[in-house]
Amino acid sequence: MSRGFLCFLTGLAVTILSWYSPWAWPAWPAFTAIDLVFGTGSWYQDLSHAARSVVIVLLITLNMSFWAAIAFLLSQMVRRIRGRSAVPDQGV
């Protein structure tokens, strides 16, 4: 499997974890976006059902993308660290 697909799966897994876990940290990107866009007001509840659905889909996409980007950055760091310490191939 490609590194990008594995990062996508990691983002999906952390997003699903944010739905079913008792912790708030997996949903941090979505909570931050809600706070920045809607503030402390409650006008989110005044949106129509369709508009709330669009907001939820955007928040899920944001959360997945954030955690996939973190997974990609971590995989790049591991790849660079591993590349420096590995013995170069002699090209048999």
PDB file of N, CA and C in Angstrom:
ATOM      1  N   MET A   1       0.833  -1.176   0.000  1.00  0.00           N
ATOM      2  CA  MET A   1       0.000   0.000   0.000  1.00  0.00           C
ATOM      3  C   MET A   1       0.882   1.245   0.000  1.00  0.00           C
ATOM      4  N   SER A   2       0.400   2.266  -0.612  1.00  0.00           N
ATOM      5  CA  SER A   2       1.175   3.497  -0.699  1.00  0.00           C
ATOM      6  C   SER A   2       1.154   4.251   0.633  1.00  0.00           C
ATOM      7  N   ARG A   3       2.127   5.092   0.811  1.00  0.00           N
ATOM      8  CA  ARG A   3       2.228   5.888   2.035  1.00  0.00           C
ATOM      9  C   ARG A   3       1.045   6.839   2.151  1.00  0.00           C
ATOM     10  N   GLY A   4       0.607   7.413   1.041  1.00  0.00           N
ATOM     11  CA  GLY A   4      -0.534   8.323   1.070  1.00  0.00           C
ATOM     12  C   GLY A   4      -1.814   7.635   1.510  1.00  0.00           C
ATOM     13  N   PHE A   5      -2.022   6.405   1.027  1.00  0.00           N
ATOM     14  CA  PHE A   5      -3.214   5.662   1.416  1.00  0.00           C
ATOM     15  C   PHE A   5      -3.163   5.294   2.890  1.00  0.00           C
ATOM     16  N   LEU A   6      -1.987   4.907   3.381  1.00  0.00           N
ATOM     17  CA  LEU A   6      -1.853   4.600   4.807  1.00  0.00           C
ATOM     18  C   LEU A   6      -2.094   5.843   5.662  1.00  0.00           C
ATOM     19  N   CYS A   7      -1.659   7.001   5.196  1.00  0.00           N
ATOM     20  CA  CYS A   7      -1.916   8.248   5.917  1.00  0.00           C
ATOM     21  C   CYS A   7      -3.405   8.570   5.917  1.00  0.00           C
ATOM     22  N   PHE A   8      -4.078   8.313   4.802  1.00  0.00           N
ATOM     23  CA  PHE A   8      -5.529   8.500   4.731  1.00  0.00           C
ATOM     24  C   PHE A   8      -6.231   7.594   5.738  1.00  0.00           C
ATOM     25  N   LEU A   9      -5.813   6.334   5.800  1.00  0.00           N
ATOM     26  CA  LEU A   9      -6.422   5.403   6.749  1.00  0.00           C
ATOM     27  C   LEU A   9      -6.165   5.832   8.192  1.00  0.00           C
ATOM     28  N   THR A  10      -4.982   6.385   8.457  1.00  0.00           N
ATOM     29  CA  THR A  10      -4.680   6.892   9.792  1.00  0.00           C
ATOM     30  C   THR A  10      -5.609   8.052  10.142  1.00  0.00           C
ATOM     31  N   GLY A  11      -5.802   8.981   9.203  1.00  0.00           N
ATOM     32  CA  GLY A  11      -6.729  10.092   9.434  1.00  0.00           C
ATOM     33  C   GLY A  11      -8.143   9.619   9.673  1.00  0.00           C
ATOM     34  N   LEU A  12      -8.558   8.614   8.926  1.00  0.00           N
ATOM     35  CA  LEU A  12      -9.897   8.046   9.105  1.00  0.00           C
ATOM     36  C   LEU A  12     -10.023   7.384  10.469  1.00  0.00           C
ATOM     37  N   ALA A  13      -8.995   6.637  10.869  1.00  0.00           N
ATOM     38  CA  ALA A  13      -9.037   5.943  12.161  1.00  0.00           C
ATOM     39  C   ALA A  13      -9.084   6.925  13.324  1.00  0.00           C
ATOM     40  N   VAL A  14      -8.306   7.980  13.264  1.00  0.00           N
ATOM     41  CA  VAL A  14      -8.313   8.961  14.360  1.00  0.00           C
ATOM     42  C   VAL A  14      -9.645   9.706  14.390  1.00  0.00           C
ATOM     43  N   THR A  15     -10.228   9.965  13.235  1.00  0.00           N
ATOM     44  CA  THR A  15     -11.532  10.631  13.196  1.00  0.00           C
ATOM     45  C   THR A  15     -12.617   9.736  13.783  1.00  0.00           C
ATOM     46  N   ILE A  16     -12.598   8.461  13.455  1.00  0.00           N
ATOM     47  CA  ILE A  16     -13.566   7.533  14.042  1.00  0.00           C
ATOM     48  C   ILE A  16     -13.321   7.415  15.544  1.00  0.00           C
ATOM     49  N   LEU A  17     -12.052   7.403  15.956  1.00  0.00           N
ATOM     50  CA  LEU A  17     -11.733   7.393  17.387  1.00  0.00           C
ATOM     51  C   LEU A  17     -12.318   8.618  18.078  1.00  0.00           C
ATOM     52  N   SER A  18     -12.324   9.754  17.403  1.00  0.00           N
ATOM     53  CA  SER A  18     -12.862  10.972  18.022  1.00  0.00           C
ATOM     54  C   SER A  18     -14.368  10.877  18.244  1.00  0.00           C
ATOM     55  N   TRP A  19     -15.062  10.067  17.460  1.00  0.00           N
ATOM     56  CA  TRP A  19     -16.505   9.912  17.639  1.00  0.00           C
ATOM     57  C   TRP A  19     -16.832   9.028  18.831  1.00  0.00           C
ATOM     58  N   TYR A  20     -16.058   7.966  19.024  1.00  0.00           N
ATOM     59  CA  TYR A  20     -16.436   6.943  19.991  1.00  0.00           C
ATOM     60  C   TYR A  20     -15.595   6.921  21.259  1.00  0.00           C
ATOM     61  N   SER A  21     -14.574   7.730  21.342  1.00  0.00           N
ATOM     62  CA  SER A  21     -13.724   7.714  22.540  1.00  0.00           C
ATOM     63  C   SER A  21     -14.187   8.787  23.527  1.00  0.00           C
ATOM     64  N   PRO A  22     -13.792   8.642  24.782  1.00  0.00           N
ATOM     65  CA  PRO A  22     -14.155   9.661  25.770  1.00  0.00           C
ATOM     66  C   PRO A  22     -13.216  10.867  25.741  1.00  0.00           C
ATOM     67  N   TRP A  23     -12.206  10.844  24.889  1.00  0.00           N
ATOM     68  CA  TRP A  23     -11.220  11.914  24.841  1.00  0.00           C
ATOM     69  C   TRP A  23     -11.604  12.971  23.821  1.00  0.00           C
ATOM     70  N   ALA A  24     -11.134  14.185  24.032  1.00  0.00           N
ATOM     71  CA  ALA A  24     -11.425  15.279  23.107  1.00  0.00           C
ATOM     72  C   ALA A  24     -10.276  15.528  22.134  1.00  0.00           C
ATOM     73  N   TRP A  25      -9.065  15.035  22.428  1.00  0.00           N
ATOM     74  CA  TRP A  25      -7.917  15.369  21.583  1.00  0.00           C
ATOM     75  C   TRP A  25      -8.035  14.887  20.144  1.00  0.00           C
ATOM     76  N   PRO A  26      -8.672  13.734  19.826  1.00  0.00           N
ATOM     77  CA  PRO A  26      -8.741  13.366  18.409  1.00  0.00           C
ATOM     78  C   PRO A  26      -9.588  14.322  17.565  1.00  0.00           C
ATOM     79  N   ALA A  27     -10.500  15.037  18.205  1.00  0.00           N
ATOM     80  CA  ALA A  27     -11.368  15.967  17.480  1.00  0.00           C
ATOM     81  C   ALA A  27     -10.893  17.410  17.606  1.00  0.00           C
ATOM     82  N   TRP A  28      -9.679  17.609  18.072  1.00  0.00           N
ATOM     83  CA  TRP A  28      -9.158  18.957  18.278  1.00  0.00           C
ATOM     84  C   TRP A  28      -9.258  19.836  17.031  1.00  0.00           C
ATOM     85  N   PRO A  29      -8.882  19.365  15.818  1.00  0.00           N
ATOM     86  CA  PRO A  29      -9.001  20.256  14.653  1.00  0.00           C
ATOM     87  C   PRO A  29     -10.438  20.705  14.390  1.00  0.00           C
ATOM     88  N   ALA A  30     -11.389  19.790  14.555  1.00  0.00           N
ATOM     89  CA  ALA A  30     -12.793  20.151  14.322  1.00  0.00           C
ATOM     90  C   ALA A  30     -13.303  21.107  15.396  1.00  0.00           C
ATOM     91  N   PHE A  31     -12.930  20.855  16.648  1.00  0.00           N
ATOM     92  CA  PHE A  31     -13.349  21.757  17.722  1.00  0.00           C
ATOM     93  C   PHE A  31     -12.779  23.157  17.531  1.00  0.00           C
ATOM     94  N   THR A  32     -11.542  23.232  17.086  1.00  0.00           N
ATOM     95  CA  THR A  32     -10.927  24.531  16.831  1.00  0.00           C
ATOM     96  C   THR A  32     -11.642  25.266  15.703  1.00  0.00           C
ATOM     97  N   ALA A  33     -11.978  24.537  14.638  1.00  0.00           N
ATOM     98  CA  ALA A  33     -12.709  25.157  13.522  1.00  0.00           C
ATOM     99  C   ALA A  33     -14.082  25.641  13.962  1.00  0.00           C
ATOM    100  N   ILE A  34     -14.766  24.848  14.776  1.00  0.00           N
ATOM    101  CA  ILE A  34     -16.081  25.269  15.281  1.00  0.00           C
ATOM    102  C   ILE A  34     -15.944  26.545  16.102  1.00  0.00           C
ATOM    103  N   ASP A  35     -14.933  26.575  16.954  1.00  0.00           N
ATOM    104  CA  ASP A  35     -14.736  27.755  17.793  1.00  0.00           C
ATOM    105  C   ASP A  35     -14.384  28.987  16.957  1.00  0.00           C
ATOM    106  N   LEU A  36     -13.564  28.797  15.925  1.00  0.00           N
ATOM    107  CA  LEU A  36     -13.181  29.939  15.092  1.00  0.00           C
ATOM    108  C   LEU A  36     -14.327  30.441  14.221  1.00  0.00           C
ATOM    109  N   VAL A  37     -15.107  29.517  13.680  1.00  0.00           N
ATOM    110  CA  VAL A  37     -16.177  29.910  12.754  1.00  0.00           C
ATOM    111  C   VAL A  37     -17.423  30.370  13.507  1.00  0.00           C
ATOM    112  N   PHE A  38     -17.846  29.589  14.500  1.00  0.00           N
ATOM    113  CA  PHE A  38     -19.107  29.875  15.167  1.00  0.00           C
ATOM    114  C   PHE A  38     -18.930  30.635  16.474  1.00  0.00           C
ATOM    115  N   GLY A  39     -17.722  30.651  17.019  1.00  0.00           N
ATOM    116  CA  GLY A  39     -17.492  31.355  18.272  1.00  0.00           C
ATOM    117  C   GLY A  39     -18.252  30.723  19.413  1.00  0.00           C
ATOM    118  N   THR A  40     -18.582  31.524  20.376  1.00  0.00           N
ATOM    119  CA  THR A  40     -19.317  31.004  21.522  1.00  0.00           C
ATOM    120  C   THR A  40     -20.829  31.106  21.327  1.00  0.00           C
ATOM    121  N   GLY A  41     -21.236  31.694  20.237  1.00  0.00           N
ATOM    122  CA  GLY A  41     -22.668  31.817  19.963  1.00  0.00           C
ATOM    123  C   GLY A  41     -23.295  30.479  19.614  1.00  0.00           C
ATOM    124  N   SER A  42     -24.592  30.438  19.613  1.00  0.00           N
ATOM    125  CA  SER A  42     -25.291  29.185  19.334  1.00  0.00           C
ATOM    126  C   SER A  42     -26.056  29.246  18.019  1.00  0.00           C
ATOM    127  N   TRP A  43     -25.582  30.029  17.090  1.00  0.00           N
ATOM    128  CA  TRP A  43     -26.327  30.149  15.831  1.00  0.00           C
ATOM    129  C   TRP A  43     -26.143  28.931  14.946  1.00  0.00           C
ATOM    130  N   TYR A  44     -25.269  28.001  15.317  1.00  0.00           N
ATOM    131  CA  TYR A  44     -25.154  26.743  14.578  1.00  0.00           C
ATOM    132  C   TYR A  44     -26.483  25.977  14.625  1.00  0.00           C
ATOM    133  N   GLN A  45     -27.149  26.021  15.777  1.00  0.00           N
ATOM    134  CA  GLN A  45     -28.426  25.324  15.912  1.00  0.00           C
ATOM    135  C   GLN A  45     -29.520  25.961  15.060  1.00  0.00           C
ATOM    136  N   ASP A  46     -29.325  27.210  14.678  1.00  0.00           N
ATOM    137  CA  ASP A  46     -30.329  27.888  13.863  1.00  0.00           C
ATOM    138  C   ASP A  46     -30.205  27.580  12.381  1.00  0.00           C
ATOM    139  N   LEU A  47     -29.130  26.898  11.992  1.00  0.00           N
ATOM    140  CA  LEU A  47     -28.965  26.536  10.578  1.00  0.00           C
ATOM    141  C   LEU A  47     -29.980  25.472  10.188  1.00  0.00           C
ATOM    142  N   SER A  48     -30.288  25.421   8.903  1.00  0.00           N
ATOM    143  CA  SER A  48     -31.194  24.380   8.423  1.00  0.00           C
ATOM    144  C   SER A  48     -30.510  23.019   8.512  1.00  0.00           C
ATOM    145  N   HIS A  49     -31.297  21.979   8.378  1.00  0.00           N
ATOM    146  CA  HIS A  49     -30.752  20.624   8.467  1.00  0.00           C
ATOM    147  C   HIS A  49     -29.700  20.383   7.386  1.00  0.00           C
ATOM    148  N   ALA A  50     -29.961  20.844   6.185  1.00  0.00           N
ATOM    149  CA  ALA A  50     -29.007  20.667   5.087  1.00  0.00           C
ATOM    150  C   ALA A  50     -27.703  21.424   5.350  1.00  0.00           C
ATOM    151  N   ALA A  51     -27.810  22.631   5.864  1.00  0.00           N
ATOM    152  CA  ALA A  51     -26.601  23.417   6.154  1.00  0.00           C
ATOM    153  C   ALA A  51     -25.796  22.781   7.279  1.00  0.00           C
ATOM    154  N   ARG A  52     -26.467  22.253   8.303  1.00  0.00           N
ATOM    155  CA  ARG A  52     -25.753  21.560   9.382  1.00  0.00           C
ATOM    156  C   ARG A  52     -25.066  20.305   8.865  1.00  0.00           C
ATOM    157  N   SER A  53     -25.704  19.615   7.944  1.00  0.00           N
ATOM    158  CA  SER A  53     -25.096  18.420   7.346  1.00  0.00           C
ATOM    159  C   SER A  53     -23.826  18.780   6.586  1.00  0.00           C
ATOM    160  N   VAL A  54     -23.860  19.881   5.852  1.00  0.00           N
ATOM    161  CA  VAL A  54     -22.678  20.331   5.118  1.00  0.00           C
ATOM    162  C   VAL A  54     -21.564  20.698   6.087  1.00  0.00           C
ATOM    163  N   VAL A  55     -21.907  21.370   7.183  1.00  0.00           N
ATOM    164  CA  VAL A  55     -20.903  21.742   8.180  1.00  0.00           C
ATOM    165  C   VAL A  55     -20.273  20.499   8.794  1.00  0.00           C
ATOM    166  N   ILE A  56     -21.065  19.494   9.106  1.00  0.00           N
ATOM    167  CA  ILE A  56     -20.537  18.250   9.691  1.00  0.00           C
ATOM    168  C   ILE A  56     -19.613  17.546   8.715  1.00  0.00           C
ATOM    169  N   VAL A  57     -19.984  17.469   7.458  1.00  0.00           N
ATOM    170  CA  VAL A  57     -19.131  16.825   6.452  1.00  0.00           C
ATOM    171  C   VAL A  57     -17.812  17.595   6.307  1.00  0.00           C
ATOM    172  N   LEU A  58     -17.877  18.909   6.315  1.00  0.00           N
ATOM    173  CA  LEU A  58     -16.653  19.712   6.246  1.00  0.00           C
ATOM    174  C   LEU A  58     -15.764  19.511   7.472  1.00  0.00           C
ATOM    175  N   LEU A  59     -16.366  19.388   8.641  1.00  0.00           N
ATOM    176  CA  LEU A  59     -15.583  19.153   9.849  1.00  0.00           C
ATOM    177  C   LEU A  59     -14.932  17.773   9.838  1.00  0.00           C
ATOM    178  N   ILE A  60     -15.653  16.767   9.344  1.00  0.00           N
ATOM    179  CA  ILE A  60     -15.076  15.427   9.225  1.00  0.00           C
ATOM    180  C   ILE A  60     -13.913  15.447   8.250  1.00  0.00           C
ATOM    181  N   THR A  61     -14.089  16.130   7.123  1.00  0.00           N
ATOM    182  CA  THR A  61     -13.017  16.228   6.128  1.00  0.00           C
ATOM    183  C   THR A  61     -11.808  16.967   6.698  1.00  0.00           C
ATOM    184  N   LEU A  62     -12.053  18.036   7.421  1.00  0.00           N
ATOM    185  CA  LEU A  62     -10.968  18.787   8.045  1.00  0.00           C
ATOM    186  C   LEU A  62     -10.205  17.918   9.035  1.00  0.00           C
ATOM    187  N   ASN A  63     -10.934  17.204   9.882  1.00  0.00           N
ATOM    188  CA  ASN A  63     -10.305  16.361  10.897  1.00  0.00           C
ATOM    189  C   ASN A  63      -9.482  15.249  10.243  1.00  0.00           C
ATOM    190  N   MET A  64     -10.042  14.587   9.244  1.00  0.00           N
ATOM    191  CA  MET A  64      -9.314  13.520   8.557  1.00  0.00           C
ATOM    192  C   MET A  64      -8.070  14.059   7.865  1.00  0.00           C
ATOM    193  N   SER A  65      -8.199  15.191   7.207  1.00  0.00           N
ATOM    194  CA  SER A  65      -7.064  15.772   6.494  1.00  0.00           C
ATOM    195  C   SER A  65      -5.955  16.185   7.451  1.00  0.00           C
ATOM    196  N   PHE A  66      -6.317  16.752   8.582  1.00  0.00           N
ATOM    197  CA  PHE A  66      -5.311  17.169   9.556  1.00  0.00           C
ATOM    198  C   PHE A  66      -4.517  15.974  10.063  1.00  0.00           C
ATOM    199  N   TRP A  67      -5.198  14.917  10.480  1.00  0.00           N
ATOM    200  CA  TRP A  67      -4.491  13.762  11.026  1.00  0.00           C
ATOM    201  C   TRP A  67      -3.740  12.994   9.948  1.00  0.00           C
ATOM    202  N   ALA A  68      -4.248  12.997   8.712  1.00  0.00           N
ATOM    203  CA  ALA A  68      -3.500  12.377   7.611  1.00  0.00           C
ATOM    204  C   ALA A  68      -2.221  13.164   7.329  1.00  0.00           C
ATOM    205  N   ALA A  69      -2.292  14.487   7.405  1.00  0.00           N
ATOM    206  CA  ALA A  69      -1.092  15.311   7.195  1.00  0.00           C
ATOM    207  C   ALA A  69      -0.073  15.080   8.306  1.00  0.00           C
ATOM    208  N   ILE A  70      -0.536  14.934   9.546  1.00  0.00           N
ATOM    209  CA  ILE A  70       0.372  14.635  10.657  1.00  0.00           C
ATOM    210  C   ILE A  70       1.029  13.274  10.438  1.00  0.00           C
ATOM    211  N   ALA A  71       0.255  12.277  10.025  1.00  0.00           N
ATOM    212  CA  ALA A  71       0.814  10.947   9.756  1.00  0.00           C
ATOM    213  C   ALA A  71       1.823  11.007   8.618  1.00  0.00           C
ATOM    214  N   PHE A  72       1.539  11.807   7.594  1.00  0.00           N
ATOM    215  CA  PHE A  72       2.471  11.932   6.480  1.00  0.00           C
ATOM    216  C   PHE A  72       3.775  12.587   6.928  1.00  0.00           C
ATOM    217  N   LEU A  73       3.676  13.638   7.727  1.00  0.00           N
ATOM    218  CA  LEU A  73       4.887  14.297   8.232  1.00  0.00           C
ATOM    219  C   LEU A  73       5.713  13.358   9.105  1.00  0.00           C
ATOM    220  N   LEU A  74       5.047  12.581   9.944  1.00  0.00           N
ATOM    221  CA  LEU A  74       5.770  11.610  10.764  1.00  0.00           C
ATOM    222  C   LEU A  74       6.440  10.538   9.916  1.00  0.00           C
ATOM    223  N   SER A  75       5.754  10.074   8.875  1.00  0.00           N
ATOM    224  CA  SER A  75       6.355   9.058   8.002  1.00  0.00           C
ATOM    225  C   SER A  75       7.540   9.632   7.228  1.00  0.00           C
ATOM    226  N   GLN A  76       7.462  10.900   6.851  1.00  0.00           N
ATOM    227  CA  GLN A  76       8.593  11.542   6.184  1.00  0.00           C
ATOM    228  C   GLN A  76       9.786  11.663   7.129  1.00  0.00           C
ATOM    229  N   MET A  77       9.529  12.023   8.378  1.00  0.00           N
ATOM    230  CA  MET A  77      10.614  12.118   9.350  1.00  0.00           C
ATOM    231  C   MET A  77      11.271  10.757   9.570  1.00  0.00           C
ATOM    232  N   VAL A  78      10.465   9.721   9.718  1.00  0.00           N
ATOM    233  CA  VAL A  78      11.011   8.376   9.906  1.00  0.00           C
ATOM    234  C   VAL A  78      11.807   7.956   8.682  1.00  0.00           C
ATOM    235  N   ARG A  79      11.298   8.269   7.513  1.00  0.00           N
ATOM    236  CA  ARG A  79      11.996   7.915   6.274  1.00  0.00           C
ATOM    237  C   ARG A  79      13.351   8.613   6.180  1.00  0.00           C
ATOM    238  N   ARG A  80      13.400   9.880   6.549  1.00  0.00           N
ATOM    239  CA  ARG A  80      14.678  10.617   6.496  1.00  0.00           C
ATOM    240  C   ARG A  80      15.658  10.113   7.547  1.00  0.00           C
ATOM    241  N   ILE A  81      15.161   9.842   8.751  1.00  0.00           N
ATOM    242  CA  ILE A  81      16.043   9.323   9.798  1.00  0.00           C
ATOM    243  C   ILE A  81      16.556   7.943   9.421  1.00  0.00           C
ATOM    244  N   ARG A  82      15.687   7.121   8.917  1.00  0.00           N
ATOM    245  CA  ARG A  82      16.081   5.771   8.512  1.00  0.00           C
ATOM    246  C   ARG A  82      17.032   5.817   7.318  1.00  0.00           C
ATOM    247  N   GLY A  83      16.844   6.759   6.418  1.00  0.00           N
ATOM    248  CA  GLY A  83      17.701   6.886   5.242  1.00  0.00           C
ATOM    249  C   GLY A  83      19.117   7.301   5.595  1.00  0.00           C
ATOM    250  N   ARG A  84      19.294   8.093   6.622  1.00  0.00           N
ATOM    251  CA  ARG A  84      20.625   8.539   7.030  1.00  0.00           C
ATOM    252  C   ARG A  84      21.394   7.434   7.733  1.00  0.00           C
ATOM    253  N   SER A  85      20.696   6.596   8.481  1.00  0.00           N
ATOM    254  CA  SER A  85      21.390   5.585   9.247  1.00  0.00           C
ATOM    255  C   SER A  85      21.571   4.269   8.478  1.00  0.00           C
ATOM    256  N   ALA A  86      20.895   4.125   7.357  1.00  0.00           N
ATOM    257  CA  ALA A  86      20.964   2.867   6.611  1.00  0.00           C
ATOM    258  C   ALA A  86      22.264   2.833   5.791  1.00  0.00           C
ATOM    259  N   VAL A  87      22.752   1.624   5.584  1.00  0.00           N
ATOM    260  CA  VAL A  87      23.947   1.420   4.761  1.00  0.00           C
ATOM    261  C   VAL A  87      23.503   1.533   3.303  1.00  0.00           C
ATOM    262  N   PRO A  88      24.199   2.313   2.487  1.00  0.00           N
ATOM    263  CA  PRO A  88      23.785   2.463   1.094  1.00  0.00           C
ATOM    264  C   PRO A  88      23.895   1.139   0.334  1.00  0.00           C
ATOM    265  N   ASP A  89      22.955   0.956  -0.566  1.00  0.00           N
ATOM    266  CA  ASP A  89      22.926  -0.268  -1.371  1.00  0.00           C
ATOM    267  C   ASP A  89      24.072  -0.239  -2.385  1.00  0.00           C
ATOM    268  N   GLN A  90      24.734  -1.363  -2.544  1.00  0.00           N
ATOM    269  CA  GLN A  90      25.885  -1.442  -3.449  1.00  0.00           C
ATOM    270  C   GLN A  90      25.453  -1.735  -4.878  1.00  0.00           C
ATOM    271  N   GLY A  91      24.169  -1.926  -5.105  1.00  0.00           N
ATOM    272  CA  GLY A  91      23.674  -2.135  -6.475  1.00  0.00           C
ATOM    273  C   GLY A  91      24.116  -3.461  -7.071  1.00  0.00           C
ATOM    274  N   VAL A  92      23.788  -4.546  -6.407  1.00  0.00           N
ATOM    275  CA  VAL A  92      24.211  -5.881  -6.822  1.00  0.00           C
ATOM    276  C   VAL A  92      23.701  -6.228  -8.143  1.00  0.00           C
TER     277      VAL A  92
END
